[in-house]
């Protein structure tokens, strides 16, 4: 995603989370194993814009691992759909068709999508062997967007 220069800094108005979609989830039970006490997470974030519908779609994919097990224990993909009243002023599509948005908006959308994915992840894995795999709080800007 390209970054817009500071001089052009429109701010989103009436930014809202329109929908939350669980795209996929999986559990891979490793068999008899003592309860897991620590987890590692691979997180991937991608953004797309639908300029016809004035929507920004942020997809968060999370893979759950443990240092003692060589297989992935679980995964989750959540899509968060955002809308804003001044979409055309704030979001542009670059030559590659990717959304070009102000850095602070990207950070806000990513933070909201990560928090939303954390809640969906807890609800999805609740009562399973991944019950305690709660995604930790992540500093805004710490996860960069995949360029795919």
N, C-alpha and C. Protein backbone atom coordinates (compact mmCIF):
# COMPACT_ATOMS: atom_id res chain seq x y z
N UNK A 1 0.84 -1.16 0.00
CA UNK A 1 0.00 0.00 0.00
C UNK A 1 0.89 1.23 0.00
N UNK A 2 0.59 2.13 -0.87
CA UNK A 2 1.36 3.36 -0.90
C UNK A 2 0.79 4.32 0.13
N UNK A 3 1.64 5.23 0.56
CA UNK A 3 1.22 6.19 1.58
C UNK A 3 1.04 7.55 0.93
N UNK A 4 0.03 8.23 1.35
CA UNK A 4 -0.29 9.53 0.82
C UNK A 4 0.58 10.58 1.50
N UNK A 5 0.91 11.61 0.77
CA UNK A 5 1.74 12.68 1.34
C UNK A 5 0.96 13.41 2.43
N UNK A 6 1.68 13.96 3.43
CA UNK A 6 1.01 14.62 4.55
C UNK A 6 0.16 15.82 4.16
N UNK A 7 0.45 16.48 3.03
CA UNK A 7 -0.31 17.66 2.69
C UNK A 7 -1.75 17.32 2.28
N UNK A 8 -1.99 16.13 1.77
CA UNK A 8 -3.34 15.70 1.43
C UNK A 8 -3.81 14.80 2.55
N UNK A 9 -4.51 15.36 3.50
CA UNK A 9 -4.87 14.55 4.66
C UNK A 9 -6.34 14.67 5.01
N UNK A 10 -7.22 14.21 4.10
CA UNK A 10 -8.62 14.20 4.48
C UNK A 10 -8.84 13.14 5.56
N UNK A 11 -9.76 13.41 6.44
CA UNK A 11 -10.04 12.45 7.51
C UNK A 11 -11.38 11.79 7.25
N UNK A 12 -11.51 10.52 7.62
CA UNK A 12 -12.78 9.83 7.38
C UNK A 12 -13.89 10.42 8.25
N UNK A 13 -15.07 10.47 7.68
CA UNK A 13 -16.22 10.95 8.43
C UNK A 13 -17.24 9.82 8.52
N UNK A 14 -17.84 9.68 9.68
CA UNK A 14 -18.82 8.64 9.94
C UNK A 14 -18.26 7.26 9.57
N UNK A 15 -17.04 6.98 10.03
CA UNK A 15 -16.43 5.68 9.82
C UNK A 15 -17.18 4.65 10.65
N UNK A 16 -17.57 3.56 10.03
CA UNK A 16 -18.35 2.54 10.74
C UNK A 16 -17.94 1.15 10.29
N UNK A 17 -18.00 0.22 11.22
CA UNK A 17 -17.79 -1.19 10.92
C UNK A 17 -19.14 -1.73 10.47
N UNK A 18 -19.25 -2.05 9.19
CA UNK A 18 -20.53 -2.45 8.61
C UNK A 18 -20.83 -3.93 8.83
N UNK A 19 -19.79 -4.79 8.71
CA UNK A 19 -20.03 -6.22 8.92
C UNK A 19 -18.75 -6.93 9.32
N UNK A 20 -18.94 -8.07 9.96
CA UNK A 20 -17.84 -8.94 10.38
C UNK A 20 -18.16 -10.32 9.83
N UNK A 21 -17.24 -10.87 9.05
CA UNK A 21 -17.46 -12.17 8.43
C UNK A 21 -16.36 -13.14 8.83
N UNK A 22 -16.75 -14.28 9.38
CA UNK A 22 -15.80 -15.35 9.64
C UNK A 22 -15.64 -16.11 8.33
N UNK A 23 -14.49 -15.96 7.70
CA UNK A 23 -14.25 -16.58 6.39
C UNK A 23 -13.87 -18.04 6.52
N UNK A 24 -13.06 -18.34 7.54
CA UNK A 24 -12.64 -19.73 7.76
C UNK A 24 -12.08 -19.88 9.16
N UNK A 25 -12.17 -21.09 9.66
CA UNK A 25 -11.53 -21.42 10.93
C UNK A 25 -11.20 -22.90 10.89
N UNK A 26 -10.13 -23.26 11.59
CA UNK A 26 -9.75 -24.67 11.64
C UNK A 26 -9.06 -24.98 12.96
N UNK A 27 -9.21 -26.21 13.39
CA UNK A 27 -8.53 -26.74 14.57
C UNK A 27 -7.79 -28.00 14.14
N UNK A 28 -6.57 -28.15 14.61
CA UNK A 28 -5.77 -29.33 14.28
C UNK A 28 -5.28 -29.92 15.60
N UNK A 29 -6.10 -30.78 16.17
CA UNK A 29 -5.78 -31.35 17.47
C UNK A 29 -4.52 -32.21 17.37
N UNK A 30 -3.50 -31.92 18.17
CA UNK A 30 -2.22 -32.63 18.06
C UNK A 30 -2.20 -33.97 18.79
N UNK A 31 -3.31 -34.42 19.32
CA UNK A 31 -3.34 -35.68 20.06
C UNK A 31 -3.01 -35.44 21.52
N UNK A 32 -2.74 -36.52 22.22
CA UNK A 32 -2.44 -36.42 23.66
C UNK A 32 -1.23 -35.53 23.88
N UNK A 33 -1.45 -34.49 24.61
CA UNK A 33 -0.39 -33.52 24.87
C UNK A 33 -0.78 -32.78 26.13
N UNK A 34 0.19 -32.45 26.98
CA UNK A 34 -0.18 -31.65 28.16
C UNK A 34 -0.78 -30.32 27.72
N UNK A 35 -1.58 -29.69 28.56
CA UNK A 35 -2.19 -28.41 28.16
C UNK A 35 -1.12 -27.40 27.73
N UNK A 36 -1.44 -26.65 26.69
CA UNK A 36 -0.51 -25.65 26.19
C UNK A 36 -0.54 -24.42 27.08
N UNK A 37 0.63 -23.86 27.34
CA UNK A 37 0.69 -22.67 28.18
C UNK A 37 1.14 -21.43 27.40
N UNK A 38 1.70 -21.63 26.24
CA UNK A 38 2.11 -20.47 25.43
C UNK A 38 1.82 -20.74 23.96
N UNK A 39 1.53 -19.66 23.28
CA UNK A 39 1.18 -19.76 21.87
C UNK A 39 1.95 -18.71 21.07
N UNK A 40 2.13 -19.00 19.80
CA UNK A 40 2.75 -18.07 18.86
C UNK A 40 1.74 -17.85 17.74
N UNK A 41 1.73 -16.65 17.20
CA UNK A 41 0.73 -16.29 16.20
C UNK A 41 1.41 -15.72 14.96
N UNK A 42 0.98 -16.20 13.81
CA UNK A 42 1.35 -15.59 12.53
C UNK A 42 0.13 -14.80 12.09
N UNK A 43 0.32 -13.51 11.87
CA UNK A 43 -0.79 -12.64 11.53
C UNK A 43 -0.53 -12.00 10.18
N UNK A 44 -1.54 -12.04 9.32
CA UNK A 44 -1.47 -11.41 8.00
C UNK A 44 -2.69 -10.52 7.82
N UNK A 45 -2.45 -9.31 7.38
CA UNK A 45 -3.54 -8.36 7.14
C UNK A 45 -3.48 -7.88 5.70
N UNK A 46 -4.64 -7.86 5.05
CA UNK A 46 -4.73 -7.30 3.70
C UNK A 46 -5.95 -6.37 3.64
N UNK A 47 -5.86 -5.35 2.83
CA UNK A 47 -6.96 -4.41 2.64
C UNK A 47 -7.33 -4.34 1.17
N UNK A 48 -8.61 -4.21 0.94
CA UNK A 48 -9.12 -4.00 -0.41
C UNK A 48 -10.18 -2.92 -0.32
N UNK A 49 -10.40 -2.25 -1.42
CA UNK A 49 -11.44 -1.23 -1.46
C UNK A 49 -12.41 -1.55 -2.59
N UNK A 50 -13.67 -1.33 -2.32
CA UNK A 50 -14.71 -1.45 -3.34
C UNK A 50 -15.23 -0.04 -3.56
N UNK A 51 -14.68 0.62 -4.58
CA UNK A 51 -15.04 2.03 -4.78
C UNK A 51 -16.47 2.20 -5.30
N UNK A 52 -17.05 1.17 -5.88
CA UNK A 52 -18.44 1.26 -6.33
C UNK A 52 -19.40 1.28 -5.14
N UNK A 53 -19.07 0.52 -4.10
CA UNK A 53 -19.93 0.44 -2.91
C UNK A 53 -19.40 1.30 -1.76
N UNK A 54 -18.27 1.99 -1.98
CA UNK A 54 -17.65 2.84 -0.95
C UNK A 54 -17.32 2.06 0.32
N UNK A 55 -16.66 0.92 0.15
CA UNK A 55 -16.32 0.05 1.26
C UNK A 55 -14.82 -0.23 1.29
N UNK A 56 -14.28 -0.39 2.50
CA UNK A 56 -12.92 -0.89 2.68
C UNK A 56 -13.05 -2.22 3.40
N UNK A 57 -12.41 -3.25 2.86
CA UNK A 57 -12.45 -4.59 3.43
C UNK A 57 -11.07 -4.93 3.98
N UNK A 58 -11.00 -5.23 5.26
CA UNK A 58 -9.74 -5.59 5.90
C UNK A 58 -9.85 -7.05 6.35
N UNK A 59 -8.96 -7.89 5.82
CA UNK A 59 -8.97 -9.30 6.15
C UNK A 59 -7.80 -9.60 7.07
N UNK A 60 -8.09 -10.26 8.19
CA UNK A 60 -7.07 -10.67 9.16
C UNK A 60 -7.04 -12.19 9.17
N UNK A 61 -5.85 -12.74 8.91
CA UNK A 61 -5.65 -14.19 8.99
C UNK A 61 -4.67 -14.47 10.12
N UNK A 62 -5.05 -15.39 11.00
CA UNK A 62 -4.23 -15.72 12.17
C UNK A 62 -3.99 -17.22 12.18
N UNK A 63 -2.73 -17.61 12.31
CA UNK A 63 -2.37 -19.02 12.49
C UNK A 63 -1.80 -19.17 13.90
N UNK A 64 -2.24 -20.21 14.61
CA UNK A 64 -1.82 -20.43 15.99
C UNK A 64 -0.85 -21.60 16.03
N UNK A 65 0.28 -21.37 16.71
CA UNK A 65 1.34 -22.38 16.84
C UNK A 65 1.78 -22.48 18.30
N UNK A 66 2.51 -23.55 18.60
CA UNK A 66 3.17 -23.72 19.89
C UNK A 66 4.60 -24.14 19.59
N UNK A 67 5.53 -23.66 20.41
CA UNK A 67 6.95 -23.93 20.14
C UNK A 67 7.31 -25.41 20.22
N UNK A 68 6.51 -26.22 20.92
CA UNK A 68 6.82 -27.64 21.08
C UNK A 68 6.15 -28.54 20.04
N UNK A 69 5.27 -28.00 19.26
CA UNK A 69 4.54 -28.76 18.25
C UNK A 69 4.90 -28.17 16.89
N UNK A 70 5.21 -29.01 15.94
CA UNK A 70 5.66 -28.52 14.64
C UNK A 70 4.52 -28.30 13.65
N UNK A 71 3.30 -28.57 14.07
CA UNK A 71 2.17 -28.35 13.17
C UNK A 71 1.37 -27.14 13.64
N UNK A 72 0.64 -26.57 12.72
CA UNK A 72 -0.25 -25.46 13.06
C UNK A 72 -1.39 -26.04 13.90
N UNK A 73 -1.74 -25.38 14.99
CA UNK A 73 -2.79 -25.87 15.88
C UNK A 73 -4.17 -25.36 15.48
N UNK A 74 -4.22 -24.19 14.90
CA UNK A 74 -5.50 -23.64 14.50
C UNK A 74 -5.30 -22.42 13.63
N UNK A 75 -6.37 -22.02 12.98
CA UNK A 75 -6.30 -20.82 12.15
C UNK A 75 -7.68 -20.18 12.08
N UNK A 76 -7.65 -18.93 11.66
CA UNK A 76 -8.88 -18.15 11.59
C UNK A 76 -8.69 -17.06 10.56
N UNK A 77 -9.72 -16.77 9.80
CA UNK A 77 -9.69 -15.63 8.87
C UNK A 77 -10.98 -14.86 9.06
N UNK A 78 -10.84 -13.56 9.31
CA UNK A 78 -11.98 -12.68 9.57
C UNK A 78 -11.90 -11.50 8.61
N UNK A 79 -13.02 -11.16 8.03
CA UNK A 79 -13.11 -10.00 7.14
C UNK A 79 -13.96 -8.94 7.83
N UNK A 80 -13.41 -7.73 7.93
CA UNK A 80 -14.13 -6.60 8.50
C UNK A 80 -14.41 -5.61 7.38
N UNK A 81 -15.67 -5.23 7.24
CA UNK A 81 -16.07 -4.31 6.19
C UNK A 81 -16.40 -2.97 6.82
N UNK A 82 -15.71 -1.93 6.34
CA UNK A 82 -15.87 -0.57 6.86
C UNK A 82 -16.49 0.32 5.80
N UNK A 83 -17.23 1.30 6.27
CA UNK A 83 -17.79 2.31 5.39
C UNK A 83 -17.55 3.68 6.01
N UNK A 84 -17.52 4.69 5.17
CA UNK A 84 -17.39 6.08 5.65
C UNK A 84 -18.12 6.98 4.67
N UNK A 85 -18.66 8.07 5.18
CA UNK A 85 -19.49 8.95 4.34
C UNK A 85 -18.68 9.66 3.25
N UNK A 86 -17.41 9.95 3.50
CA UNK A 86 -16.60 10.67 2.50
C UNK A 86 -15.54 9.74 1.88
N UNK A 87 -15.94 8.54 1.57
CA UNK A 87 -15.05 7.51 1.01
C UNK A 87 -14.23 8.04 -0.17
N UNK A 88 -14.88 8.69 -1.13
CA UNK A 88 -14.21 9.13 -2.35
C UNK A 88 -13.11 10.16 -2.08
N UNK A 89 -13.23 10.92 -1.00
CA UNK A 89 -12.21 11.91 -0.66
C UNK A 89 -11.02 11.29 0.05
N UNK A 90 -11.25 10.18 0.76
CA UNK A 90 -10.22 9.61 1.64
C UNK A 90 -9.50 8.42 1.01
N UNK A 91 -10.22 7.61 0.25
CA UNK A 91 -9.66 6.36 -0.29
C UNK A 91 -9.51 6.48 -1.79
N UNK A 92 -8.33 6.17 -2.26
CA UNK A 92 -8.05 6.13 -3.70
C UNK A 92 -7.46 4.75 -4.01
N UNK A 93 -7.66 4.31 -5.23
CA UNK A 93 -7.03 3.07 -5.67
C UNK A 93 -5.78 3.42 -6.44
N UNK A 94 -4.65 2.76 -6.10
CA UNK A 94 -3.41 3.01 -6.83
C UNK A 94 -3.41 2.22 -8.13
N UNK A 95 -2.33 2.29 -8.88
CA UNK A 95 -2.23 1.62 -10.19
C UNK A 95 -2.40 0.11 -10.07
N UNK A 96 -2.04 -0.47 -8.92
CA UNK A 96 -2.17 -1.91 -8.70
C UNK A 96 -3.56 -2.30 -8.20
N UNK A 97 -4.44 -1.31 -8.04
CA UNK A 97 -5.79 -1.59 -7.57
C UNK A 97 -5.90 -1.71 -6.05
N UNK A 98 -4.83 -1.36 -5.35
CA UNK A 98 -4.83 -1.41 -3.89
C UNK A 98 -5.26 -0.06 -3.33
N UNK A 99 -5.92 -0.08 -2.16
CA UNK A 99 -6.35 1.19 -1.58
C UNK A 99 -5.17 2.04 -1.12
N UNK A 100 -5.25 3.31 -1.38
CA UNK A 100 -4.26 4.29 -0.96
C UNK A 100 -4.97 5.20 0.04
N UNK A 101 -4.58 5.04 1.33
CA UNK A 101 -5.27 5.76 2.40
C UNK A 101 -4.25 6.44 3.31
N UNK A 102 -4.67 7.46 4.05
CA UNK A 102 -3.76 8.08 5.02
C UNK A 102 -3.30 7.07 6.07
N UNK A 103 -2.06 7.22 6.52
CA UNK A 103 -1.47 6.27 7.48
C UNK A 103 -2.30 6.11 8.74
N UNK A 104 -2.82 7.21 9.27
CA UNK A 104 -3.58 7.10 10.51
C UNK A 104 -4.88 6.32 10.31
N UNK A 105 -5.48 6.41 9.14
CA UNK A 105 -6.68 5.63 8.84
C UNK A 105 -6.33 4.15 8.74
N UNK A 106 -5.25 3.83 8.05
CA UNK A 106 -4.81 2.44 7.92
C UNK A 106 -4.56 1.84 9.31
N UNK A 107 -3.87 2.60 10.15
CA UNK A 107 -3.58 2.14 11.51
C UNK A 107 -4.87 1.90 12.30
N UNK A 108 -5.81 2.80 12.16
CA UNK A 108 -7.09 2.66 12.86
C UNK A 108 -7.88 1.45 12.36
N UNK A 109 -7.93 1.26 11.04
CA UNK A 109 -8.64 0.11 10.47
C UNK A 109 -7.99 -1.20 10.89
N UNK A 110 -6.66 -1.27 10.85
CA UNK A 110 -5.95 -2.47 11.26
C UNK A 110 -6.18 -2.78 12.73
N UNK A 111 -6.10 -1.77 13.57
CA UNK A 111 -6.29 -1.95 15.00
C UNK A 111 -7.70 -2.48 15.29
N UNK A 112 -8.69 -1.89 14.64
CA UNK A 112 -10.08 -2.33 14.84
C UNK A 112 -10.27 -3.75 14.32
N UNK A 113 -9.71 -4.07 13.16
CA UNK A 113 -9.85 -5.41 12.59
C UNK A 113 -9.15 -6.45 13.46
N UNK A 114 -7.97 -6.12 14.00
CA UNK A 114 -7.27 -7.05 14.89
C UNK A 114 -8.06 -7.29 16.17
N UNK A 115 -8.61 -6.25 16.75
CA UNK A 115 -9.41 -6.39 17.97
C UNK A 115 -10.66 -7.23 17.70
N UNK A 116 -11.27 -6.99 16.56
CA UNK A 116 -12.46 -7.76 16.18
C UNK A 116 -12.10 -9.22 15.98
N UNK A 117 -10.98 -9.48 15.29
CA UNK A 117 -10.54 -10.86 15.06
C UNK A 117 -10.23 -11.55 16.39
N UNK A 118 -9.69 -10.82 17.36
CA UNK A 118 -9.40 -11.38 18.68
C UNK A 118 -10.69 -11.91 19.33
N UNK A 119 -11.74 -11.12 19.26
CA UNK A 119 -13.02 -11.54 19.83
C UNK A 119 -13.63 -12.72 19.10
N UNK A 120 -13.58 -12.69 17.77
CA UNK A 120 -14.10 -13.81 16.98
C UNK A 120 -13.28 -15.07 17.26
N UNK A 121 -11.96 -14.90 17.39
CA UNK A 121 -11.07 -16.03 17.68
C UNK A 121 -11.42 -16.65 19.03
N UNK A 122 -11.64 -15.82 20.05
CA UNK A 122 -11.97 -16.35 21.36
C UNK A 122 -13.30 -17.10 21.31
N UNK A 123 -14.30 -16.53 20.65
CA UNK A 123 -15.60 -17.19 20.55
C UNK A 123 -15.51 -18.50 19.77
N UNK A 124 -14.69 -18.53 18.75
CA UNK A 124 -14.56 -19.73 17.91
C UNK A 124 -13.81 -20.84 18.63
N UNK A 125 -12.74 -20.50 19.36
CA UNK A 125 -11.90 -21.51 20.01
C UNK A 125 -12.34 -21.82 21.44
N UNK A 126 -13.34 -21.14 21.93
CA UNK A 126 -13.80 -21.32 23.31
C UNK A 126 -14.20 -22.78 23.55
N UNK A 127 -13.70 -23.34 24.65
CA UNK A 127 -14.04 -24.70 25.03
C UNK A 127 -13.21 -25.77 24.33
N UNK A 128 -12.29 -25.37 23.47
CA UNK A 128 -11.44 -26.33 22.78
C UNK A 128 -10.06 -26.32 23.43
N UNK A 129 -9.15 -27.11 22.90
CA UNK A 129 -7.78 -27.11 23.42
C UNK A 129 -7.08 -25.77 23.15
N UNK A 130 -7.67 -24.90 22.34
CA UNK A 130 -7.13 -23.56 22.10
C UNK A 130 -7.88 -22.48 22.88
N UNK A 131 -8.61 -22.90 23.91
CA UNK A 131 -9.39 -21.97 24.72
C UNK A 131 -8.52 -20.82 25.27
N UNK A 132 -7.29 -21.10 25.63
CA UNK A 132 -6.41 -20.08 26.21
C UNK A 132 -5.51 -19.39 25.17
N UNK A 133 -5.75 -19.64 23.91
CA UNK A 133 -4.98 -18.98 22.84
C UNK A 133 -5.66 -17.64 22.52
N UNK A 134 -5.50 -16.70 23.43
CA UNK A 134 -6.09 -15.38 23.25
C UNK A 134 -5.02 -14.48 22.62
N UNK A 135 -5.36 -13.93 21.47
CA UNK A 135 -4.42 -13.06 20.77
C UNK A 135 -4.05 -11.89 21.67
N UNK A 136 -2.75 -11.66 21.89
CA UNK A 136 -2.36 -10.56 22.78
C UNK A 136 -2.65 -9.20 22.15
N UNK A 137 -2.61 -8.18 22.98
CA UNK A 137 -2.77 -6.82 22.47
C UNK A 137 -1.54 -6.49 21.62
N UNK A 138 -1.79 -5.88 20.50
CA UNK A 138 -0.72 -5.57 19.55
C UNK A 138 -0.70 -4.07 19.34
N UNK A 139 0.47 -3.47 19.45
CA UNK A 139 0.60 -2.02 19.27
C UNK A 139 0.18 -1.63 17.86
N UNK A 140 -0.59 -0.55 17.73
CA UNK A 140 -0.97 -0.10 16.39
C UNK A 140 0.27 0.12 15.52
N UNK A 141 0.21 -0.35 14.31
CA UNK A 141 1.33 -0.20 13.39
C UNK A 141 2.35 -1.32 13.48
N UNK A 142 2.22 -2.23 14.48
CA UNK A 142 3.19 -3.30 14.64
C UNK A 142 3.05 -4.38 13.59
N UNK A 143 1.85 -4.55 13.04
CA UNK A 143 1.63 -5.54 11.99
C UNK A 143 1.47 -4.78 10.69
N UNK A 144 2.33 -5.08 9.75
CA UNK A 144 2.26 -4.39 8.45
C UNK A 144 1.39 -5.19 7.49
N UNK A 145 0.88 -4.50 6.53
CA UNK A 145 -0.03 -5.13 5.59
C UNK A 145 0.70 -5.97 4.56
N UNK A 146 0.10 -7.11 4.22
CA UNK A 146 0.62 -7.93 3.14
C UNK A 146 0.33 -7.21 1.83
N UNK A 147 1.27 -7.27 0.92
CA UNK A 147 1.15 -6.55 -0.36
C UNK A 147 0.59 -7.42 -1.46
N UNK A 148 -0.14 -8.46 -1.10
CA UNK A 148 -0.66 -9.39 -2.12
C UNK A 148 -1.97 -8.93 -2.67
